[in-house]
Amino acid sequence: MARERSRDSELVLDLRALGLLDSPGEWSQLSQTVPAPADLRIEVIGVPAGSPLALDLRLESVVEGIFVSGTVNATARGQDARTSEDIELPVSTTVEELFLYEVDPEDEESYGIDHGRLDLEPAIRDAVVMALPFRPLKDGDAEDFRYTLGEEIVEDVPETDPRWSALKDLLDE
């Protein structure tokens, strides 16, 4: 059932229609905006399902399969790691993956081509999720966090210990 839904996704490409199936040396440019799939996220930030996902990809047919390279751009929404305020951050990442015509069943790292169809979703998911910041922070909020309650505590600067004054005089020379 989930397999049938993914076949209808805009991220599933028909290589025959593109003229890339078993045609080494041929290539096609894919520049379009598609709805983001679900679960493009980590704990505190992610790309909401259905939000725009801008693809600018080049699909190149090689002997082993299809090499996909290019960029994926989206907007991630989540919470600031320090203040838990809502934030939006642009996400831009590159995709460089080889989709194989024949994948070894024990190979869990490679992406495959199924009956002339190439599903971009797993590669895009891996790239986008890896590009999300582990500790998202608002723009301009990179300085050290200071938390105070009430009035700010100012530490008194201790006076110079008279026992060290002779050493200080030597250092000043």
N, C-alpha and C. Protein backbone atom coordinates (compact mmCIF):
# COMPACT_ATOMS: atom_id res chain seq x y z
N MET A 1 0.82 -1.19 0.00
CA MET A 1 0.00 0.00 0.00
C MET A 1 0.87 1.26 0.00
N ALA A 2 1.88 1.30 0.89
CA ALA A 2 2.77 2.46 0.93
C ALA A 2 3.55 2.56 -0.37
N ARG A 3 3.85 1.41 -0.98
CA ARG A 3 4.59 1.39 -2.24
C ARG A 3 3.77 2.04 -3.35
N GLU A 4 2.46 1.78 -3.38
CA GLU A 4 1.60 2.37 -4.40
C GLU A 4 1.49 3.88 -4.23
N ARG A 5 1.42 4.35 -2.97
CA ARG A 5 1.35 5.78 -2.73
C ARG A 5 2.62 6.46 -3.23
N SER A 6 3.80 5.84 -2.98
CA SER A 6 5.04 6.47 -3.39
C SER A 6 5.18 6.50 -4.92
N ARG A 7 4.54 5.58 -5.63
CA ARG A 7 4.60 5.59 -7.10
C ARG A 7 3.91 6.82 -7.67
N ASP A 8 2.92 7.37 -6.95
CA ASP A 8 2.19 8.53 -7.41
C ASP A 8 2.86 9.84 -6.98
N SER A 9 3.88 9.76 -6.17
CA SER A 9 4.56 10.95 -5.67
C SER A 9 5.28 11.68 -6.79
N GLU A 10 5.40 13.00 -6.64
CA GLU A 10 6.14 13.79 -7.60
C GLU A 10 7.64 13.54 -7.50
N LEU A 11 8.06 12.85 -6.45
CA LEU A 11 9.47 12.52 -6.28
C LEU A 11 9.84 11.18 -6.93
N VAL A 12 8.87 10.50 -7.51
CA VAL A 12 9.13 9.25 -8.23
C VAL A 12 9.15 9.59 -9.71
N LEU A 13 10.29 9.33 -10.35
CA LEU A 13 10.48 9.69 -11.76
C LEU A 13 10.44 8.47 -12.65
N ASP A 14 9.75 8.58 -13.77
CA ASP A 14 9.70 7.51 -14.76
C ASP A 14 10.87 7.72 -15.72
N LEU A 15 11.87 6.85 -15.62
CA LEU A 15 13.08 7.00 -16.42
C LEU A 15 12.84 6.76 -17.91
N ARG A 16 11.84 5.97 -18.24
CA ARG A 16 11.52 5.75 -19.66
C ARG A 16 11.01 7.04 -20.29
N ALA A 17 10.12 7.73 -19.59
CA ALA A 17 9.57 8.99 -20.09
C ALA A 17 10.66 10.05 -20.23
N LEU A 18 11.68 10.01 -19.38
CA LEU A 18 12.78 10.95 -19.46
C LEU A 18 13.82 10.55 -20.49
N GLY A 19 13.73 9.33 -21.02
CA GLY A 19 14.70 8.84 -22.00
C GLY A 19 16.05 8.49 -21.40
N LEU A 20 16.04 8.13 -20.10
CA LEU A 20 17.30 7.85 -19.41
C LEU A 20 17.53 6.37 -19.11
N LEU A 21 16.51 5.56 -19.22
CA LEU A 21 16.63 4.15 -18.84
C LEU A 21 17.56 3.42 -19.81
N ASP A 22 18.64 2.85 -19.27
CA ASP A 22 19.63 2.11 -20.07
C ASP A 22 20.15 2.93 -21.25
N SER A 23 20.42 4.21 -21.02
CA SER A 23 20.94 5.09 -22.08
C SER A 23 22.15 5.85 -21.56
N PRO A 24 23.28 5.15 -21.30
CA PRO A 24 24.47 5.84 -20.77
C PRO A 24 24.86 7.03 -21.64
N GLY A 25 25.19 8.12 -20.98
CA GLY A 25 25.59 9.33 -21.67
C GLY A 25 24.46 10.34 -21.79
N GLU A 26 23.21 9.92 -21.66
CA GLU A 26 22.08 10.85 -21.73
C GLU A 26 21.90 11.51 -20.36
N TRP A 27 21.35 12.68 -20.38
CA TRP A 27 21.08 13.38 -19.12
C TRP A 27 19.83 14.23 -19.24
N SER A 28 19.29 14.62 -18.09
CA SER A 28 18.08 15.43 -18.05
C SER A 28 18.18 16.37 -16.85
N GLN A 29 17.66 17.58 -17.03
CA GLN A 29 17.64 18.57 -15.96
C GLN A 29 16.25 18.58 -15.33
N LEU A 30 16.19 18.58 -14.02
CA LEU A 30 14.92 18.62 -13.30
C LEU A 30 14.93 19.84 -12.38
N SER A 31 14.15 20.84 -12.73
CA SER A 31 14.02 22.05 -11.91
C SER A 31 12.54 22.26 -11.65
N GLN A 32 12.13 21.94 -10.45
CA GLN A 32 10.72 22.10 -10.10
C GLN A 32 10.56 22.19 -8.60
N THR A 33 9.39 22.65 -8.19
CA THR A 33 9.05 22.72 -6.78
C THR A 33 7.96 21.70 -6.51
N VAL A 34 8.20 20.87 -5.50
CA VAL A 34 7.27 19.80 -5.15
C VAL A 34 6.93 19.92 -3.67
N PRO A 35 5.82 19.31 -3.25
CA PRO A 35 5.50 19.31 -1.81
C PRO A 35 6.45 18.39 -1.05
N ALA A 36 6.88 18.86 0.09
CA ALA A 36 7.81 18.07 0.91
C ALA A 36 7.12 16.84 1.47
N PRO A 37 7.82 15.70 1.48
CA PRO A 37 7.24 14.51 2.10
C PRO A 37 7.22 14.66 3.63
N ALA A 38 6.51 13.78 4.28
CA ALA A 38 6.42 13.82 5.75
C ALA A 38 7.75 13.38 6.37
N ASP A 39 7.96 13.80 7.59
CA ASP A 39 9.10 13.38 8.42
C ASP A 39 10.46 13.85 7.93
N LEU A 40 10.54 15.04 7.33
CA LEU A 40 11.84 15.63 7.03
C LEU A 40 12.23 16.47 8.24
N ARG A 41 12.57 15.80 9.34
CA ARG A 41 12.80 16.55 10.56
C ARG A 41 13.69 15.79 11.54
N ILE A 42 14.21 16.56 12.48
CA ILE A 42 14.86 16.00 13.66
C ILE A 42 14.03 16.49 14.85
N GLU A 43 14.51 16.31 16.04
CA GLU A 43 13.68 16.56 17.22
C GLU A 43 13.10 17.97 17.31
N VAL A 44 13.89 19.03 17.08
CA VAL A 44 13.39 20.38 17.32
C VAL A 44 13.13 21.20 16.06
N ILE A 45 13.47 20.68 14.88
CA ILE A 45 13.28 21.46 13.66
C ILE A 45 13.10 20.52 12.48
N GLY A 46 12.33 20.98 11.48
CA GLY A 46 12.12 20.16 10.30
C GLY A 46 11.37 20.92 9.22
N VAL A 47 11.30 20.30 8.05
CA VAL A 47 10.56 20.86 6.93
C VAL A 47 9.15 20.28 7.01
N PRO A 48 8.13 21.13 7.19
CA PRO A 48 6.76 20.62 7.32
C PRO A 48 6.30 19.89 6.06
N ALA A 49 5.55 18.83 6.26
CA ALA A 49 5.01 18.06 5.13
C ALA A 49 4.14 18.97 4.27
N GLY A 50 4.34 18.88 2.97
CA GLY A 50 3.55 19.66 2.03
C GLY A 50 4.10 21.04 1.73
N SER A 51 5.10 21.49 2.49
CA SER A 51 5.68 22.81 2.20
C SER A 51 6.55 22.72 0.94
N PRO A 52 6.84 23.84 0.29
CA PRO A 52 7.60 23.81 -0.97
C PRO A 52 9.02 23.28 -0.80
N LEU A 53 9.39 22.40 -1.69
CA LEU A 53 10.72 21.82 -1.74
C LEU A 53 11.24 22.08 -3.16
N ALA A 54 12.19 23.01 -3.29
CA ALA A 54 12.70 23.40 -4.61
C ALA A 54 13.84 22.47 -5.02
N LEU A 55 13.65 21.79 -6.13
CA LEU A 55 14.66 20.86 -6.64
C LEU A 55 15.32 21.45 -7.87
N ASP A 56 16.64 21.39 -7.91
CA ASP A 56 17.39 21.75 -9.11
C ASP A 56 18.42 20.63 -9.29
N LEU A 57 18.02 19.60 -10.02
CA LEU A 57 18.80 18.37 -10.12
C LEU A 57 19.15 18.04 -11.56
N ARG A 58 20.27 17.37 -11.72
CA ARG A 58 20.70 16.84 -13.01
C ARG A 58 20.74 15.33 -12.87
N LEU A 59 20.06 14.64 -13.78
CA LEU A 59 20.03 13.18 -13.78
C LEU A 59 20.86 12.70 -14.96
N GLU A 60 21.91 11.96 -14.68
CA GLU A 60 22.81 11.49 -15.74
C GLU A 60 22.77 9.96 -15.79
N SER A 61 22.52 9.42 -16.96
CA SER A 61 22.51 7.98 -17.14
C SER A 61 23.94 7.49 -17.29
N VAL A 62 24.31 6.53 -16.48
CA VAL A 62 25.63 5.88 -16.55
C VAL A 62 25.38 4.38 -16.67
N VAL A 63 26.42 3.61 -16.88
CA VAL A 63 26.28 2.17 -17.09
C VAL A 63 25.61 1.49 -15.90
N GLU A 64 25.98 1.87 -14.67
CA GLU A 64 25.47 1.23 -13.46
C GLU A 64 24.07 1.68 -13.08
N GLY A 65 23.65 2.88 -13.53
CA GLY A 65 22.35 3.40 -13.11
C GLY A 65 22.20 4.86 -13.49
N ILE A 66 21.66 5.64 -12.57
CA ILE A 66 21.43 7.07 -12.78
C ILE A 66 22.13 7.84 -11.66
N PHE A 67 23.00 8.78 -12.07
CA PHE A 67 23.67 9.63 -11.10
C PHE A 67 22.87 10.93 -10.98
N VAL A 68 22.44 11.24 -9.75
CA VAL A 68 21.64 12.44 -9.48
C VAL A 68 22.50 13.41 -8.70
N SER A 69 22.59 14.65 -9.21
CA SER A 69 23.36 15.68 -8.51
C SER A 69 22.62 17.01 -8.61
N GLY A 70 22.79 17.84 -7.60
CA GLY A 70 22.16 19.15 -7.60
C GLY A 70 21.83 19.62 -6.21
N THR A 71 20.89 20.57 -6.14
CA THR A 71 20.56 21.18 -4.85
C THR A 71 19.07 21.01 -4.53
N VAL A 72 18.81 21.03 -3.23
CA VAL A 72 17.45 21.00 -2.70
C VAL A 72 17.35 22.16 -1.72
N ASN A 73 16.32 23.00 -1.88
CA ASN A 73 16.11 24.14 -1.00
C ASN A 73 14.72 24.06 -0.38
N ALA A 74 14.67 24.43 0.90
CA ALA A 74 13.39 24.40 1.62
C ALA A 74 13.48 25.37 2.80
N THR A 75 12.39 25.50 3.52
CA THR A 75 12.37 26.30 4.74
C THR A 75 12.00 25.38 5.89
N ALA A 76 12.87 25.35 6.88
CA ALA A 76 12.63 24.52 8.07
C ALA A 76 11.97 25.37 9.15
N ARG A 77 11.08 24.76 9.88
CA ARG A 77 10.40 25.44 10.99
C ARG A 77 10.61 24.60 12.25
N GLY A 78 10.80 25.29 13.35
CA GLY A 78 11.00 24.58 14.61
C GLY A 78 11.11 25.54 15.76
N GLN A 79 11.93 25.17 16.73
CA GLN A 79 12.10 25.97 17.92
C GLN A 79 13.56 26.28 18.15
N ASP A 80 13.80 27.51 18.61
CA ASP A 80 15.14 27.93 18.99
C ASP A 80 15.61 27.04 20.14
N ALA A 81 16.82 26.53 20.06
CA ALA A 81 17.34 25.61 21.07
C ALA A 81 17.51 26.27 22.43
N ARG A 82 17.69 27.58 22.47
CA ARG A 82 17.90 28.26 23.74
C ARG A 82 16.60 28.77 24.36
N THR A 83 15.74 29.34 23.52
CA THR A 83 14.57 30.04 24.06
C THR A 83 13.26 29.33 23.80
N SER A 84 13.25 28.30 22.98
CA SER A 84 12.05 27.57 22.57
C SER A 84 11.07 28.43 21.79
N GLU A 85 11.54 29.57 21.25
CA GLU A 85 10.69 30.40 20.40
C GLU A 85 10.63 29.78 19.01
N ASP A 86 9.52 30.02 18.29
CA ASP A 86 9.38 29.52 16.93
C ASP A 86 10.37 30.23 16.01
N ILE A 87 10.99 29.45 15.12
CA ILE A 87 11.92 30.02 14.15
C ILE A 87 11.71 29.38 12.79
N GLU A 88 12.17 30.09 11.76
CA GLU A 88 12.20 29.57 10.39
C GLU A 88 13.62 29.75 9.88
N LEU A 89 14.19 28.71 9.31
CA LEU A 89 15.54 28.77 8.77
C LEU A 89 15.55 28.22 7.35
N PRO A 90 16.27 28.88 6.44
CA PRO A 90 16.40 28.32 5.09
C PRO A 90 17.34 27.10 5.14
N VAL A 91 17.00 26.09 4.37
CA VAL A 91 17.83 24.89 4.27
C VAL A 91 18.21 24.72 2.80
N SER A 92 19.49 24.64 2.56
CA SER A 92 19.98 24.40 1.20
C SER A 92 21.03 23.30 1.30
N THR A 93 20.85 22.25 0.53
CA THR A 93 21.77 21.14 0.60
C THR A 93 22.00 20.56 -0.78
N THR A 94 23.08 19.84 -0.93
CA THR A 94 23.38 19.20 -2.21
C THR A 94 23.05 17.71 -2.14
N VAL A 95 22.71 17.19 -3.29
CA VAL A 95 22.44 15.76 -3.43
C VAL A 95 23.40 15.25 -4.49
N GLU A 96 24.12 14.20 -4.18
CA GLU A 96 25.01 13.53 -5.13
C GLU A 96 24.92 12.04 -4.85
N GLU A 97 24.04 11.37 -5.56
CA GLU A 97 23.79 9.95 -5.31
C GLU A 97 23.71 9.17 -6.61
N LEU A 98 24.18 7.95 -6.55
CA LEU A 98 24.06 7.03 -7.67
C LEU A 98 22.94 6.04 -7.36
N PHE A 99 21.93 6.01 -8.21
CA PHE A 99 20.83 5.06 -8.09
C PHE A 99 21.16 3.89 -9.02
N LEU A 100 21.25 2.70 -8.45
CA LEU A 100 21.71 1.52 -9.19
C LEU A 100 20.56 0.75 -9.82
N TYR A 101 20.83 0.20 -11.03
CA TYR A 101 19.85 -0.68 -11.67
C TYR A 101 19.71 -1.98 -10.89
N GLU A 102 20.85 -2.50 -10.40
CA GLU A 102 20.84 -3.75 -9.62
C GLU A 102 21.52 -3.50 -8.28
N VAL A 103 20.76 -3.68 -7.21
CA VAL A 103 21.28 -3.48 -5.86
C VAL A 103 21.37 -4.82 -5.17
N ASP A 104 22.53 -5.06 -4.56
CA ASP A 104 22.72 -6.27 -3.77
C ASP A 104 21.73 -6.24 -2.60
N PRO A 105 20.96 -7.30 -2.37
CA PRO A 105 19.97 -7.31 -1.27
C PRO A 105 20.57 -7.01 0.10
N GLU A 106 21.85 -7.30 0.28
CA GLU A 106 22.50 -7.05 1.57
C GLU A 106 23.03 -5.62 1.68
N ASP A 107 23.01 -4.87 0.58
CA ASP A 107 23.51 -3.49 0.56
C ASP A 107 22.40 -2.55 1.02
N GLU A 108 22.56 -2.02 2.23
CA GLU A 108 21.56 -1.12 2.79
C GLU A 108 21.89 0.35 2.54
N GLU A 109 23.04 0.62 1.95
CA GLU A 109 23.48 2.00 1.73
C GLU A 109 23.09 2.55 0.37
N SER A 110 22.91 1.70 -0.61
CA SER A 110 22.68 2.14 -1.98
C SER A 110 21.19 2.33 -2.27
N TYR A 111 20.93 3.22 -3.21
CA TYR A 111 19.57 3.46 -3.68
C TYR A 111 19.38 2.69 -4.97
N GLY A 112 18.17 2.17 -5.17
CA GLY A 112 17.91 1.38 -6.36
C GLY A 112 16.86 1.99 -7.27
N ILE A 113 16.80 1.43 -8.47
CA ILE A 113 15.80 1.80 -9.46
C ILE A 113 14.85 0.61 -9.56
N ASP A 114 13.56 0.88 -9.40
CA ASP A 114 12.56 -0.18 -9.36
C ASP A 114 11.66 -0.10 -10.59
N HIS A 115 11.77 -1.07 -11.49
CA HIS A 115 10.93 -1.15 -12.69
C HIS A 115 10.93 0.16 -13.50
N GLY A 116 12.12 0.72 -13.70
CA GLY A 116 12.23 1.94 -14.50
C GLY A 116 11.82 3.20 -13.77
N ARG A 117 11.58 3.09 -12.47
CA ARG A 117 11.20 4.26 -11.67
C ARG A 117 12.27 4.55 -10.63
N LEU A 118 12.58 5.82 -10.51
CA LEU A 118 13.60 6.27 -9.56
C LEU A 118 12.89 7.11 -8.49
N ASP A 119 12.97 6.68 -7.24
CA ASP A 119 12.33 7.39 -6.12
C ASP A 119 13.37 8.28 -5.45
N LEU A 120 13.23 9.59 -5.64
CA LEU A 120 14.17 10.55 -5.08
C LEU A 120 13.99 10.76 -3.57
N GLU A 121 12.84 10.39 -3.03
CA GLU A 121 12.52 10.71 -1.64
C GLU A 121 13.57 10.25 -0.62
N PRO A 122 14.06 9.00 -0.67
CA PRO A 122 15.05 8.60 0.35
C PRO A 122 16.34 9.42 0.28
N ALA A 123 16.83 9.73 -0.91
CA ALA A 123 18.06 10.51 -1.04
C ALA A 123 17.84 11.95 -0.57
N ILE A 124 16.69 12.52 -0.93
CA ILE A 124 16.38 13.88 -0.50
C ILE A 124 16.20 13.92 1.01
N ARG A 125 15.53 12.92 1.56
CA ARG A 125 15.33 12.84 3.01
C ARG A 125 16.69 12.80 3.73
N ASP A 126 17.59 11.94 3.26
CA ASP A 126 18.91 11.85 3.89
C ASP A 126 19.65 13.18 3.82
N ALA A 127 19.63 13.84 2.67
CA ALA A 127 20.36 15.09 2.49
C ALA A 127 19.77 16.22 3.34
N VAL A 128 18.46 16.36 3.32
CA VAL A 128 17.82 17.46 4.05
C VAL A 128 17.94 17.26 5.56
N VAL A 129 17.69 16.07 6.04
CA VAL A 129 17.76 15.83 7.49
C VAL A 129 19.19 16.03 8.00
N MET A 130 20.17 15.63 7.20
CA MET A 130 21.56 15.83 7.62
C MET A 130 21.95 17.31 7.59
N ALA A 131 21.27 18.12 6.79
CA ALA A 131 21.58 19.55 6.70
C ALA A 131 20.90 20.37 7.80
N LEU A 132 19.94 19.80 8.50
CA LEU A 132 19.24 20.54 9.56
C LEU A 132 20.19 20.78 10.74
N PRO A 133 20.14 21.98 11.33
CA PRO A 133 21.03 22.25 12.47
C PRO A 133 20.60 21.46 13.70
N PHE A 134 21.58 20.89 14.39
CA PHE A 134 21.30 20.10 15.58
C PHE A 134 20.78 21.00 16.71
N ARG A 135 21.34 22.22 16.80
CA ARG A 135 20.90 23.21 17.78
C ARG A 135 20.50 24.48 17.04
N PRO A 136 19.29 24.55 16.53
CA PRO A 136 18.89 25.73 15.76
C PRO A 136 18.82 26.97 16.64
N LEU A 137 19.38 28.08 16.13
CA LEU A 137 19.38 29.35 16.85
C LEU A 137 18.85 30.44 15.93
N LYS A 138 18.18 31.43 16.52
CA LYS A 138 17.70 32.57 15.73
C LYS A 138 18.89 33.32 15.14
N ASP A 139 18.66 34.02 14.02
CA ASP A 139 19.69 34.85 13.40
C ASP A 139 20.20 35.88 14.40
N GLY A 140 21.51 36.09 14.43
CA GLY A 140 22.08 37.10 15.31
C GLY A 140 22.09 36.69 16.76
N ASP A 141 21.80 35.45 17.06
CA ASP A 141 21.75 34.99 18.44
C ASP A 141 22.92 34.06 18.73
N ALA A 142 24.07 34.36 18.15
CA ALA A 142 25.21 33.48 18.28
C ALA A 142 26.06 33.76 19.51
N GLU A 143 25.86 34.93 20.16
CA GLU A 143 26.68 35.23 21.32
C GLU A 143 26.30 34.33 22.49
N ASP A 144 27.13 34.34 23.53
CA ASP A 144 26.88 33.51 24.70
C ASP A 144 25.56 33.89 25.35
N PHE A 145 24.83 32.90 25.76
CA PHE A 145 23.53 33.10 26.39
C PHE A 145 23.73 33.54 27.83
N ARG A 146 22.99 34.58 28.22
CA ARG A 146 23.04 35.06 29.60
C ARG A 146 21.63 35.04 30.16
N TYR A 147 21.48 34.41 31.27
CA TYR A 147 20.17 34.29 31.89
C TYR A 147 20.20 35.03 33.22
N THR A 148 19.31 36.00 33.41
CA THR A 148 19.24 36.73 34.68
C THR A 148 17.80 36.83 35.13
N LEU A 149 17.63 36.91 36.42
CA LEU A 149 16.33 37.15 37.03
C LEU A 149 16.45 38.41 37.86
N GLY A 150 15.49 39.30 37.73
CA GLY A 150 15.55 40.52 38.53
C GLY A 150 16.67 41.41 38.06
N GLU A 151 17.39 42.00 39.02
CA GLU A 151 18.46 42.90 38.62
C GLU A 151 19.73 42.12 38.29
N GLU A 152 20.50 42.70 37.40
CA GLU A 152 21.73 42.04 36.95
C GLU A 152 22.77 42.12 38.06
N ILE A 153 23.41 41.01 38.28
CA ILE A 153 24.43 40.94 39.32
C ILE A 153 25.75 41.42 38.74
N VAL A 154 26.33 42.42 39.40
CA VAL A 154 27.62 42.94 38.97
C VAL A 154 28.64 42.50 40.01
N GLU A 155 29.64 41.80 39.54
CA GLU A 155 30.67 41.32 40.46
C GLU A 155 31.64 42.44 40.76
N ASP A 156 31.98 42.58 42.03
CA ASP A 156 32.97 43.58 42.42
C ASP A 156 34.34 43.10 42.00
N VAL A 157 35.12 44.03 41.46
CA VAL A 157 36.48 43.69 41.07
C VAL A 157 37.33 43.74 42.33
N PRO A 158 37.97 42.63 42.67
CA PRO A 158 38.75 42.64 43.91
C PRO A 158 39.96 43.57 43.78
N GLU A 159 40.28 44.19 44.90
CA GLU A 159 41.46 45.05 44.91
C GLU A 159 42.70 44.18 44.82
N THR A 160 43.77 44.78 44.36
CA THR A 160 45.02 44.05 44.22
C THR A 160 45.55 43.71 45.61
N ASP A 161 45.91 42.48 45.75
CA ASP A 161 46.47 42.00 47.01
C ASP A 161 47.84 42.64 47.19
N PRO A 162 48.09 43.30 48.31
CA PRO A 162 49.38 43.98 48.52
C PRO A 162 50.56 43.02 48.48
N ARG A 163 50.33 41.76 48.76
CA ARG A 163 51.43 40.80 48.74
C ARG A 163 51.95 40.58 47.32
N TRP A 164 51.10 40.88 46.32
CA TRP A 164 51.49 40.66 44.94
C TRP A 164 51.97 41.95 44.26
N SER A 165 51.93 43.03 44.95
CA SER A 165 52.29 44.31 44.33
C SER A 165 53.73 44.33 43.83
N ALA A 166 54.65 43.70 44.55
CA ALA A 166 56.05 43.66 44.09
C ALA A 166 56.16 42.90 42.79
N LEU A 167 55.44 41.80 42.64
CA LEU A 167 55.46 41.03 41.40
C LEU A 167 54.82 41.83 40.27
N LYS A 168 53.73 42.56 40.56
CA LYS A 168 53.06 43.38 39.55
C LYS A 168 54.01 44.44 39.05
N ASP A 169 54.78 45.07 39.96
CA ASP A 169 55.73 46.10 39.56
C ASP A 169 56.79 45.52 38.62
N LEU A 170 57.23 44.29 38.86
CA LEU A 170 58.21 43.64 37.98
C LEU A 170 57.63 43.38 36.60
N LEU A 171 56.37 42.97 36.55
CA LEU A 171 55.71 42.68 35.28
C LEU A 171 55.47 43.96 34.48
N ASP A 172 55.20 45.06 35.16
CA ASP A 172 54.93 46.32 34.50
C ASP A 172 56.19 46.91 33.86
N GLU A 173 57.39 46.52 34.34
CA GLU A 173 58.64 47.09 33.81
C GLU A 173 58.93 46.66 32.42
